[in-house]
PDB file of N, CA and C in Angstrom:
ATOM      1  N   MET A   1       3.060   1.119  -2.865  1.00  0.00           N
ATOM      2  CA  MET A   1       1.995   2.089  -2.556  1.00  0.00           C
ATOM      3  C   MET A   1       0.396   0.891  -3.082  1.00  0.00           C
ATOM      4  N   PRO A   2      -0.664   0.966  -1.795  1.00  0.00           N
ATOM      5  CA  PRO A   2      -1.906   1.163  -2.365  1.00  0.00           C
ATOM      6  C   PRO A   2      -2.280   1.593  -3.733  1.00  0.00           C
ATOM      7  N   ALA A   3      -3.446   0.722  -4.029  1.00  0.00           N
ATOM      8  CA  ALA A   3      -4.105   1.562  -5.258  1.00  0.00           C
ATOM      9  C   ALA A   3      -4.923   3.178  -4.586  1.00  0.00           C
ATOM     10  N   SER A   4      -5.574   3.846  -5.111  1.00  0.00           N
ATOM     11  CA  SER A   4      -5.734   5.296  -4.316  1.00  0.00           C
ATOM     12  C   SER A   4      -7.160   4.893  -3.896  1.00  0.00           C
ATOM     13  N   THR A   5      -7.941   5.431  -3.037  1.00  0.00           N
ATOM     14  CA  THR A   5      -9.398   4.815  -3.183  1.00  0.00           C
ATOM     15  C   THR A   5     -10.019   6.211  -2.802  1.00  0.00           C
ATOM     16  N   ASN A   6      -9.413   7.449  -2.861  1.00  0.00           N
ATOM     17  CA  ASN A   6      -9.698   8.980  -2.770  1.00  0.00           C
ATOM     18  C   ASN A   6      -9.102   9.292  -3.603  1.00  0.00           C
ATOM     19  N   LYS A   7      -9.677  10.588  -4.068  1.00  0.00           N
ATOM     20  CA  LYS A   7      -9.333  11.063  -5.222  1.00  0.00           C
ATOM     21  C   LYS A   7      -9.112  12.265  -5.430  1.00  0.00           C
ATOM     22  N   PHE A   8      -8.710  13.398  -5.807  1.00  0.00           N
ATOM     23  CA  PHE A   8      -8.723  15.163  -5.661  1.00  0.00           C
ATOM     24  C   PHE A   8      -9.266  14.803  -7.036  1.00  0.00           C
ATOM     25  N   VAL A   9      -9.887  15.948  -7.251  1.00  0.00           N
ATOM     26  CA  VAL A   9     -11.017  16.773  -8.994  1.00  0.00           C
ATOM     27  C   VAL A   9     -10.015  16.939  -9.594  1.00  0.00           C
ATOM     28  N   GLN A  10      -9.387  18.509  -8.536  1.00  0.00           N
ATOM     29  CA  GLN A  10      -7.965  18.671 -10.146  1.00  0.00           C
ATOM     30  C   GLN A  10      -6.981  19.192  -8.687  1.00  0.00           C
ATOM     31  N   PRO A  11      -5.736  19.741  -8.680  1.00  0.00           N
ATOM     32  CA  PRO A  11      -4.707  18.851  -9.059  1.00  0.00           C
ATOM     33  C   PRO A  11      -4.593  17.452  -8.597  1.00  0.00           C
ATOM     34  N   THR A  12      -3.718  16.299  -9.143  1.00  0.00           N
ATOM     35  CA  THR A  12      -3.450  15.102  -8.631  1.00  0.00           C
ATOM     36  C   THR A  12      -2.626  15.010  -7.505  1.00  0.00           C
ATOM     37  N   SER A  13      -2.303  16.450  -6.966  1.00  0.00           N
ATOM     38  CA  SER A  13      -1.130  16.758  -5.687  1.00  0.00           C
ATOM     39  C   SER A  13      -1.242  18.586  -5.906  1.00  0.00           C
ATOM     40  N   TYR A  14      -0.694  18.345  -4.351  1.00  0.00           N
ATOM     41  CA  TYR A  14      -0.296  19.683  -3.763  1.00  0.00           C
ATOM     42  C   TYR A  14       1.030  19.913  -2.797  1.00  0.00           C
ATOM     43  N   ASP A  15       1.596  20.646  -3.332  1.00  0.00           N
ATOM     44  CA  ASP A  15       3.302  20.572  -2.752  1.00  0.00           C
ATOM     45  C   ASP A  15       3.467  21.965  -2.048  1.00  0.00           C
ATOM     46  N   HIS A  16       4.269  22.042  -1.120  1.00  0.00           N
ATOM     47  CA  HIS A  16       4.162  22.415  -0.473  1.00  0.00           C
ATOM     48  C   HIS A  16       5.751  22.625   0.486  1.00  0.00           C
ATOM     49  N   VAL A  17       6.417  23.831   0.218  1.00  0.00           N
ATOM     50  CA  VAL A  17       7.626  24.184   0.123  1.00  0.00           C
ATOM     51  C   VAL A  17       7.936  24.867   1.986  1.00  0.00           C
ATOM     52  N   ILE A  18       8.598  24.101   2.563  1.00  0.00           N
ATOM     53  CA  ILE A  18       8.600  24.185   3.881  1.00  0.00           C
ATOM     54  C   ILE A  18       9.771  25.259   4.473  1.00  0.00           C
ATOM     55  N   ALA A  19      10.056  25.805   5.544  1.00  0.00           N
ATOM     56  CA  ALA A  19      10.571  26.844   5.373  1.00  0.00           C
ATOM     57  C   ALA A  19      11.266  27.268   6.746  1.00  0.00           C
ATOM     58  N   ASP A  20      12.159  27.454   7.456  1.00  0.00           N
ATOM     59  CA  ASP A  20      12.670  27.599   8.545  1.00  0.00           C
ATOM     60  C   ASP A  20      11.792  29.109   8.988  1.00  0.00           C
ATOM     61  N   ASP A  21      11.378  29.249   9.891  1.00  0.00           N
ATOM     62  CA  ASP A  21      10.509  30.403  10.000  1.00  0.00           C
ATOM     63  C   ASP A  21      11.406  31.933  10.436  1.00  0.00           C
ATOM     64  N   LEU A  22      12.727  31.531  11.025  1.00  0.00           N
ATOM     65  CA  LEU A  22      13.309  32.936  11.572  1.00  0.00           C
ATOM     66  C   LEU A  22      14.383  32.993  10.300  1.00  0.00           C
ATOM     67  N   THR A  23      14.788  31.925   9.827  1.00  0.00           N
ATOM     68  CA  THR A  23      15.825  32.400   8.781  1.00  0.00           C
ATOM     69  C   THR A  23      15.463  32.667   7.434  1.00  0.00           C
ATOM     70  N   ASP A  24      13.933  31.642   7.003  1.00  0.00           N
ATOM     71  CA  ASP A  24      13.246  31.192   5.740  1.00  0.00           C
ATOM     72  C   ASP A  24      14.238  30.635   4.739  1.00  0.00           C
ATOM     73  N   THR A  25      14.650  30.150   5.580  1.00  0.00           N
ATOM     74  CA  THR A  25      15.528  29.015   4.687  1.00  0.00           C
ATOM     75  C   THR A  25      14.703  27.424   4.293  1.00  0.00           C
ATOM     76  N   LYS A  26      14.798  27.279   3.498  1.00  0.00           N
ATOM     77  CA  LYS A  26      14.076  25.893   2.690  1.00  0.00           C
ATOM     78  C   LYS A  26      14.480  24.461   4.057  1.00  0.00           C
ATOM     79  N   ILE A  27      13.916  23.888   4.029  1.00  0.00           N
ATOM     80  CA  ILE A  27      14.323  22.317   4.575  1.00  0.00           C
ATOM     81  C   ILE A  27      12.975  20.975   4.439  1.00  0.00           C
ATOM     82  N   GLY A  28      12.751  21.574   3.582  1.00  0.00           N
ATOM     83  CA  GLY A  28      11.898  20.680   2.267  1.00  0.00           C
ATOM     84  C   GLY A  28      11.107  21.289   1.719  1.00  0.00           C
ATOM     85  N   GLU A  29      10.529  19.291   1.013  1.00  0.00           N
ATOM     86  CA  GLU A  29       8.946  20.027   0.438  1.00  0.00           C
ATOM     87  C   GLU A  29       8.259  18.914   1.119  1.00  0.00           C
ATOM     88  N   LEU A  30       6.521  19.011   0.858  1.00  0.00           N
ATOM     89  CA  LEU A  30       5.823  18.288   1.306  1.00  0.00           C
ATOM     90  C   LEU A  30       4.383  18.242  -0.264  1.00  0.00           C
ATOM     91  N   ARG A  31       4.511  16.687  -0.567  1.00  0.00           N
ATOM     92  CA  ARG A  31       3.576  16.553  -1.550  1.00  0.00           C
ATOM     93  C   ARG A  31       1.780  15.939  -0.722  1.00  0.00           C
ATOM     94  N   VAL A  32       1.105  16.090  -0.437  1.00  0.00           N
ATOM     95  CA  VAL A  32       0.068  15.330  -0.447  1.00  0.00           C
ATOM     96  C   VAL A  32      -0.417  15.237  -2.051  1.00  0.00           C
ATOM     97  N   LYS A  33      -0.962  13.715  -1.677  1.00  0.00           N
ATOM     98  CA  LYS A  33      -1.580  13.367  -2.642  1.00  0.00           C
ATOM     99  C   LYS A  33      -2.814  12.603  -2.179  1.00  0.00           C
ATOM    100  N   PRO A  34      -3.975  11.757  -2.798  1.00  0.00           N
ATOM    101  CA  PRO A  34      -5.137  10.936  -2.355  1.00  0.00           C
ATOM    102  C   PRO A  34      -4.738   9.910  -1.733  1.00  0.00           C
ATOM    103  N   SER A  35      -3.671   9.852  -2.193  1.00  0.00           N
ATOM    104  CA  SER A  35      -3.590   8.019  -1.416  1.00  0.00           C
ATOM    105  C   SER A  35      -2.309   8.110  -0.037  1.00  0.00           C
ATOM    106  N   SER A  36      -1.532   9.295  -0.747  1.00  0.00           N
ATOM    107  CA  SER A  36       0.027   9.175  -0.053  1.00  0.00           C
ATOM    108  C   SER A  36       0.384  10.719   0.728  1.00  0.00           C
ATOM    109  N   ILE A  37       0.914  10.516   1.602  1.00  0.00           N
ATOM    110  CA  ILE A  37       1.587  11.730   2.006  1.00  0.00           C
ATOM    111  C   ILE A  37       3.816  11.721   1.459  1.00  0.00           C
ATOM    112  N   LEU A  38       3.698  12.206   0.990  1.00  0.00           N
ATOM    113  CA  LEU A  38       5.356  12.440   0.511  1.00  0.00           C
ATOM    114  C   LEU A  38       6.309  13.373   1.194  1.00  0.00           C
ATOM    115  N   TRP A  39       7.673  13.397   1.612  1.00  0.00           N
ATOM    116  CA  TRP A  39       8.429  14.379   2.250  1.00  0.00           C
ATOM    117  C   TRP A  39       9.982  14.092   1.655  1.00  0.00           C
ATOM    118  N   LYS A  40      10.797  15.368   0.727  1.00  0.00           N
ATOM    119  CA  LYS A  40      11.947  15.754   0.151  1.00  0.00           C
ATOM    120  C   LYS A  40      12.693  16.846   1.263  1.00  0.00           C
ATOM    121  N   PRO A  41      13.648  16.220   1.561  1.00  0.00           N
ATOM    122  CA  PRO A  41      14.001  17.284   2.344  1.00  0.00           C
ATOM    123  C   PRO A  41      15.310  18.344   1.593  1.00  0.00           C
ATOM    124  N   LYS A  42      15.726  18.976   1.659  1.00  0.00           N
ATOM    125  CA  LYS A  42      16.849  20.134   0.959  1.00  0.00           C
ATOM    126  C   LYS A  42      17.704  19.808   0.342  1.00  0.00           C
ATOM    127  N   GLY A  43      17.702  19.409  -0.878  1.00  0.00           N
ATOM    128  CA  GLY A  43      18.551  18.888  -1.360  1.00  0.00           C
ATOM    129  C   GLY A  43      19.046  17.562  -1.923  1.00  0.00           C
ATOM    130  N   SER A  44      17.996  16.824  -1.866  1.00  0.00           N
ATOM    131  CA  SER A  44      17.326  15.617  -1.666  1.00  0.00           C
ATOM    132  C   SER A  44      16.751  15.753  -3.722  1.00  0.00           C
ATOM    133  N   HIS A  45      16.763  14.198  -3.835  1.00  0.00           N
ATOM    134  CA  HIS A  45      16.108  14.491  -4.911  1.00  0.00           C
ATOM    135  C   HIS A  45      15.002  13.079  -5.861  1.00  0.00           C
ATOM    136  N   LYS A  46      14.905  12.386  -4.029  1.00  0.00           N
ATOM    137  CA  LYS A  46      13.876  11.539  -3.670  1.00  0.00           C
ATOM    138  C   LYS A  46      12.736  11.521  -3.131  1.00  0.00           C
ATOM    139  N   TYR A  47      11.705  11.582  -3.276  1.00  0.00           N
ATOM    140  CA  TYR A  47      10.935  11.206  -2.121  1.00  0.00           C
ATOM    141  C   TYR A  47      10.647  10.474  -0.941  1.00  0.00           C
ATOM    142  N   HIS A  48      10.369  10.899   0.136  1.00  0.00           N
ATOM    143  CA  HIS A  48      10.109   9.514   0.981  1.00  0.00           C
ATOM    144  C   HIS A  48       8.481   9.612   1.325  1.00  0.00           C
ATOM    145  N   SER A  49       8.106   8.254   1.214  1.00  0.00           N
ATOM    146  CA  SER A  49       6.673   7.823   1.151  1.00  0.00           C
ATOM    147  C   SER A  49       6.134   7.518   2.086  1.00  0.00           C
ATOM    148  N   VAL A  50       4.794   7.814   2.714  1.00  0.00           N
ATOM    149  CA  VAL A  50       3.710   6.914   3.655  1.00  0.00           C
ATOM    150  C   VAL A  50       2.631   7.054   3.132  1.00  0.00           C
ATOM    151  N   SER A  51       1.585   5.962   3.298  1.00  0.00           N
ATOM    152  CA  SER A  51       0.443   5.775   2.848  1.00  0.00           C
ATOM    153  C   SER A  51      -0.777   6.201   3.748  1.00  0.00           C
ATOM    154  N   LEU A  52      -1.425   6.982   3.036  1.00  0.00           N
ATOM    155  CA  LEU A  52      -2.558   8.126   3.822  1.00  0.00           C
ATOM    156  C   LEU A  52      -3.231   7.080   5.074  1.00  0.00           C
ATOM    157  N   GLY A  53      -3.118   5.883   4.547  1.00  0.00           N
ATOM    158  CA  GLY A  53      -3.822   4.896   5.987  1.00  0.00           C
ATOM    159  C   GLY A  53      -2.955   4.999   6.927  1.00  0.00           C
ATOM    160  N   ASP A  54      -1.172   4.936   6.684  1.00  0.00           N
ATOM    161  CA  ASP A  54      -0.581   4.446   7.561  1.00  0.00           C
ATOM    162  C   ASP A  54      -0.560   6.379   8.227  1.00  0.00           C
ATOM    163  N   PHE A  55      -0.062   7.189   7.779  1.00  0.00           N
ATOM    164  CA  PHE A  55      -0.446   8.509   8.006  1.00  0.00           C
ATOM    165  C   PHE A  55      -1.570   8.209   9.146  1.00  0.00           C
ATOM    166  N   ILE A  56      -2.374   8.273   9.192  1.00  0.00           N
ATOM    167  CA  ILE A  56      -3.565   9.135   9.603  1.00  0.00           C
ATOM    168  C   ILE A  56      -4.159   8.039  10.897  1.00  0.00           C
ATOM    169  N   ALA A  57      -3.230   6.351  11.011  1.00  0.00           N
ATOM    170  CA  ALA A  57      -3.365   5.238  11.971  1.00  0.00           C
ATOM    171  C   ALA A  57      -1.697   6.320  13.008  1.00  0.00           C
ATOM    172  N   TRP A  58      -0.701   7.194  12.889  1.00  0.00           N
ATOM    173  CA  TRP A  58      -0.220   7.414  13.291  1.00  0.00           C
ATOM    174  C   TRP A  58      -0.289   8.638  14.201  1.00  0.00           C
ATOM    175  N   ILE A  59      -0.492   9.623  12.935  1.00  0.00           N
ATOM    176  CA  ILE A  59      -1.266  10.847  13.595  1.00  0.00           C
ATOM    177  C   ILE A  59      -2.117  10.766  14.921  1.00  0.00           C
ATOM    178  N   THR A  60      -3.327  10.371  14.451  1.00  0.00           N
ATOM    179  CA  THR A  60      -4.483  10.294  15.127  1.00  0.00           C
ATOM    180  C   THR A  60      -3.582   9.185  16.912  1.00  0.00           C
ATOM    181  N   ALA A  61      -2.785   8.680  16.227  1.00  0.00           N
ATOM    182  CA  ALA A  61      -2.118   7.660  17.861  1.00  0.00           C
ATOM    183  C   ALA A  61      -1.220   8.821  18.666  1.00  0.00           C
ATOM    184  N   ASN A  62      -0.509   9.133  17.904  1.00  0.00           N
ATOM    185  CA  ASN A  62       0.817  10.351  18.442  1.00  0.00           C
ATOM    186  C   ASN A  62       0.641  11.909  18.309  1.00  0.00           C
ATOM    187  N   GLY A  63      -0.521  12.559  17.359  1.00  0.00           N
ATOM    188  CA  GLY A  63      -0.510  13.709  17.230  1.00  0.00           C
ATOM    189  C   GLY A  63      -1.365  14.018  18.396  1.00  0.00           C
ATOM    190  N   ALA A  64      -1.281  15.153  18.412  1.00  0.00           N
ATOM    191  CA  ALA A  64      -1.674  16.959  19.882  1.00  0.00           C
ATOM    192  C   ALA A  64      -3.020  17.125  19.190  1.00  0.00           C
ATOM    193  N   LEU A  65      -4.117  16.989  19.783  1.00  0.00           N
ATOM    194  CA  LEU A  65      -5.232  17.621  19.313  1.00  0.00           C
ATOM    195  C   LEU A  65      -5.197  18.819  19.678  1.00  0.00           C
ATOM    196  N   VAL A  66      -5.800  20.097  18.419  1.00  0.00           N
ATOM    197  CA  VAL A  66      -5.136  21.254  18.109  1.00  0.00           C
ATOM    198  C   VAL A  66      -6.723  21.833  17.893  1.00  0.00           C
ATOM    199  N   ALA A  67      -6.922  23.340  18.851  1.00  0.00           N
ATOM    200  CA  ALA A  67      -8.251  23.795  18.150  1.00  0.00           C
ATOM    201  C   ALA A  67      -8.174  24.089  16.340  1.00  0.00           C
ATOM    202  N   LYS A  68      -8.824  24.612  15.529  1.00  0.00           N
ATOM    203  CA  LYS A  68      -9.079  25.009  14.322  1.00  0.00           C
ATOM    204  C   LYS A  68      -8.710  26.183  13.864  1.00  0.00           C
TER     205      LYS A  68
END
């Protein structure tokens, strides 16, 4: 992972539990850090990680534009 060039003042990361809308069943966890985005599927003990730069390149090339 590259050295962090951005930072949160407090806390150092934000964790979000993602659940299925219909059954309210947990499908995984998303962790946002200043230098990376991490994903951990339900039942997994380890996160999958992508650098913030790679995520920005992917989302701007493949993501759909949405209104706020």
